Amino acid sequence: MEDRIERDVVIEAPVDRVWSLITEAEHLGTWFGDDGADVDLREGGEIELRWEEQGSARCRIERIDEPNAFSFRWAPFKDPGGVEPSAGNSTLVEFTLVAEGDGTRLRVVESGFASLGTTPEKRRSNLDGNTEGWDQELGELAEYAALLTA
């Protein structure tokens, strides 16, 4: 089974601005969640992402290398369930930011689907759902960044 999702998008904003968009609650809760977010921006800190229809997801920050890399572990899955991200119920999301002209190439890698503590069918469903989700969310991020610079 595939274990990871990899996506790249060029955001028409400088690296420091994109860093703010992916790490600050006021921005993260707008383009990623649609009902707000809370962020304790430190390694080991927590993020809570909220959506009106889907509820919320808790995240634990794994790495901060401002403004180049940011990662968190999250457990947004109903199966396997769990509020706190832990082994067997979470995946690792890694953002890498690289200047590209006047913009920023943002690379997102989410990994750990093969180790989720559920059935192979549900692991596949989680992978497929998040693959579709990242395509949508990164499009929303690009649109949000464009609105802020307009």
Protein backbone atom coordinates (compact mmCIF):
# COMPACT_ATOMS: atom_id res chain seq x y z
CA MET A 1 0.00 0.00 0.00
CA GLU A 2 1.10 3.53 -0.68
CA ASP A 3 2.14 5.27 2.51
CA ARG A 4 2.37 8.90 1.50
CA ILE A 5 0.85 11.84 -0.29
CA GLU A 6 3.19 14.34 -1.97
CA ARG A 7 2.03 17.67 -3.37
CA ASP A 8 3.79 20.80 -4.64
CA VAL A 9 2.23 24.18 -5.27
CA VAL A 10 3.69 27.57 -6.07
CA ILE A 11 2.16 30.30 -3.93
CA GLU A 12 2.43 33.85 -5.25
CA ALA A 13 3.84 35.25 -2.01
CA PRO A 14 7.31 35.40 -0.43
CA VAL A 15 8.49 32.61 1.87
CA ASP A 16 8.01 34.59 5.08
CA ARG A 17 4.38 35.32 4.14
CA VAL A 18 3.65 31.68 3.28
CA TRP A 19 5.26 30.69 6.59
CA SER A 20 2.72 32.90 8.36
CA LEU A 21 -0.14 31.41 6.35
CA ILE A 22 0.71 27.84 7.40
CA THR A 23 1.65 28.50 11.04
CA GLU A 24 -0.57 31.30 12.38
CA ALA A 25 -4.05 30.51 13.72
CA GLU A 26 -5.79 33.45 12.03
CA HIS A 27 -4.67 32.18 8.62
CA LEU A 28 -4.64 28.42 9.18
CA GLY A 29 -8.20 28.57 10.48
CA THR A 30 -9.32 30.35 7.32
CA TRP A 31 -7.81 28.42 4.40
CA PHE A 32 -7.36 24.99 6.03
CA GLY A 33 -10.11 24.85 8.61
CA ASP A 34 -13.26 26.84 7.92
CA ASP A 35 -14.22 27.35 11.57
CA GLY A 36 -10.96 28.62 13.06
CA ALA A 37 -7.82 27.20 14.59
CA ASP A 38 -5.68 27.44 17.71
CA VAL A 39 -1.90 27.20 17.42
CA ASP A 40 0.74 26.86 20.15
CA LEU A 41 3.70 27.42 17.82
CA ARG A 42 6.51 25.47 19.46
CA GLU A 43 7.86 21.97 19.04
CA GLY A 44 5.53 19.77 21.08
CA GLY A 45 2.82 22.45 20.92
CA GLU A 46 -0.73 21.72 19.89
CA ILE A 47 -2.83 22.82 16.96
CA GLU A 48 -6.57 22.44 16.82
CA LEU A 49 -8.15 22.77 13.39
CA ARG A 50 -11.91 23.20 13.17
CA TRP A 51 -14.42 22.67 10.38
CA GLU A 52 -18.13 23.46 10.60
CA GLU A 53 -19.22 20.13 9.11
CA GLN A 54 -16.38 17.74 10.03
CA GLY A 55 -15.69 18.87 13.61
CA SER A 56 -12.10 19.30 14.75
CA ALA A 57 -8.70 17.64 14.54
CA ARG A 58 -5.90 17.85 17.08
CA CYS A 59 -2.30 18.09 15.97
CA ARG A 60 1.07 17.98 17.71
CA ILE A 61 3.89 20.07 16.26
CA GLU A 62 6.94 17.93 15.52
CA ARG A 63 9.37 20.35 13.87
CA ILE A 64 9.83 24.08 13.38
CA ASP A 65 12.63 25.37 11.16
CA GLU A 66 11.40 28.89 10.40
CA PRO A 67 10.86 29.74 7.55
CA ASN A 68 11.95 26.57 5.76
CA ALA A 69 10.13 23.61 7.29
CA PHE A 70 7.20 22.87 9.56
CA SER A 71 5.63 19.55 10.50
CA PHE A 72 2.88 18.18 12.69
CA ARG A 73 1.33 14.84 13.53
CA TRP A 74 -2.45 14.66 13.33
CA ALA A 75 -5.31 12.22 13.82
CA PRO A 76 -8.19 13.47 11.65
CA PHE A 77 -9.53 9.96 11.02
CA LYS A 78 -12.79 8.52 12.32
CA ASP A 79 -11.25 5.03 11.91
CA PRO A 80 -8.86 4.67 13.61
CA GLY A 81 -10.24 7.22 16.01
CA GLY A 82 -8.44 9.20 18.62
CA VAL A 83 -8.32 12.72 19.89
CA GLU A 84 -4.60 12.89 20.60
CA PRO A 85 -2.19 12.02 17.78
CA SER A 86 -0.31 8.84 18.69
CA ALA A 87 1.25 5.79 17.08
CA GLY A 88 -1.37 3.90 15.12
CA ASN A 89 -3.92 6.72 14.76
CA SER A 90 -1.99 9.57 13.13
CA THR A 91 0.03 10.63 10.14
CA LEU A 92 2.89 13.11 9.80
CA VAL A 93 2.37 16.25 7.69
CA GLU A 94 5.56 18.01 6.54
CA PHE A 95 5.70 21.41 4.83
CA THR A 96 8.84 22.57 3.04
CA LEU A 97 9.11 26.14 1.73
CA VAL A 98 11.57 27.25 -0.97
CA ALA A 99 11.75 30.64 -2.67
CA GLU A 100 10.92 30.46 -6.36
CA GLY A 101 11.14 33.80 -8.13
CA ASP A 102 8.80 36.18 -6.29
CA GLY A 103 6.80 33.26 -4.95
CA THR A 104 7.23 30.17 -2.80
CA ARG A 105 7.23 26.52 -3.75
CA LEU A 106 5.40 24.75 -0.95
CA ARG A 107 5.87 21.00 -0.76
CA VAL A 108 3.54 18.96 1.44
CA VAL A 109 4.21 15.33 2.33
CA GLU A 110 1.81 13.36 4.51
CA SER A 111 3.07 9.92 5.52
CA GLY A 112 2.21 7.04 7.83
CA PHE A 113 -0.98 5.68 6.29
CA ALA A 114 0.36 2.11 6.20
CA SER A 115 0.82 2.09 9.98
CA LEU A 116 -2.70 3.28 10.86
CA GLY A 117 -4.35 0.79 13.22
CA THR A 118 -7.35 -0.11 11.10
CA THR A 119 -8.29 -2.35 8.18
CA PRO A 120 -6.44 -2.17 4.85
CA GLU A 121 -9.63 -0.89 3.23
CA LYS A 122 -9.97 1.93 5.75
CA ARG A 123 -6.24 2.83 5.41
CA ARG A 124 -6.83 3.12 1.64
CA SER A 125 -9.97 5.22 2.22
CA ASN A 126 -8.04 7.55 4.56
CA LEU A 127 -5.23 7.91 2.02
CA ASP A 128 -7.65 8.60 -0.82
CA GLY A 129 -9.65 11.07 1.26
CA ASN A 130 -6.59 13.02 2.33
CA THR A 131 -5.18 12.97 -1.22
CA GLU A 132 -8.35 14.68 -2.41
CA GLY A 133 -8.28 16.92 0.65
CA TRP A 134 -4.75 18.21 0.02
CA ASP A 135 -5.60 19.05 -3.58
CA GLN A 136 -8.54 21.11 -2.35
CA GLU A 137 -6.78 22.70 0.64
CA LEU A 138 -3.67 23.75 -1.31
CA GLY A 139 -5.90 25.34 -3.93
CA GLU A 140 -7.64 27.25 -1.15
CA LEU A 141 -4.27 28.32 0.26
CA ALA A 142 -3.16 29.68 -3.13
CA GLU A 143 -6.46 31.59 -3.47
CA TYR A 144 -6.24 32.91 0.09
CA ALA A 145 -2.65 34.12 -0.44
CA ALA A 146 -3.72 35.88 -3.65
CA LEU A 147 -6.56 37.66 -1.82
CA LEU A 148 -4.18 38.91 0.86
CA THR A 149 -1.73 40.34 -1.69
CA ALA A 150 -4.38 41.90 -3.95
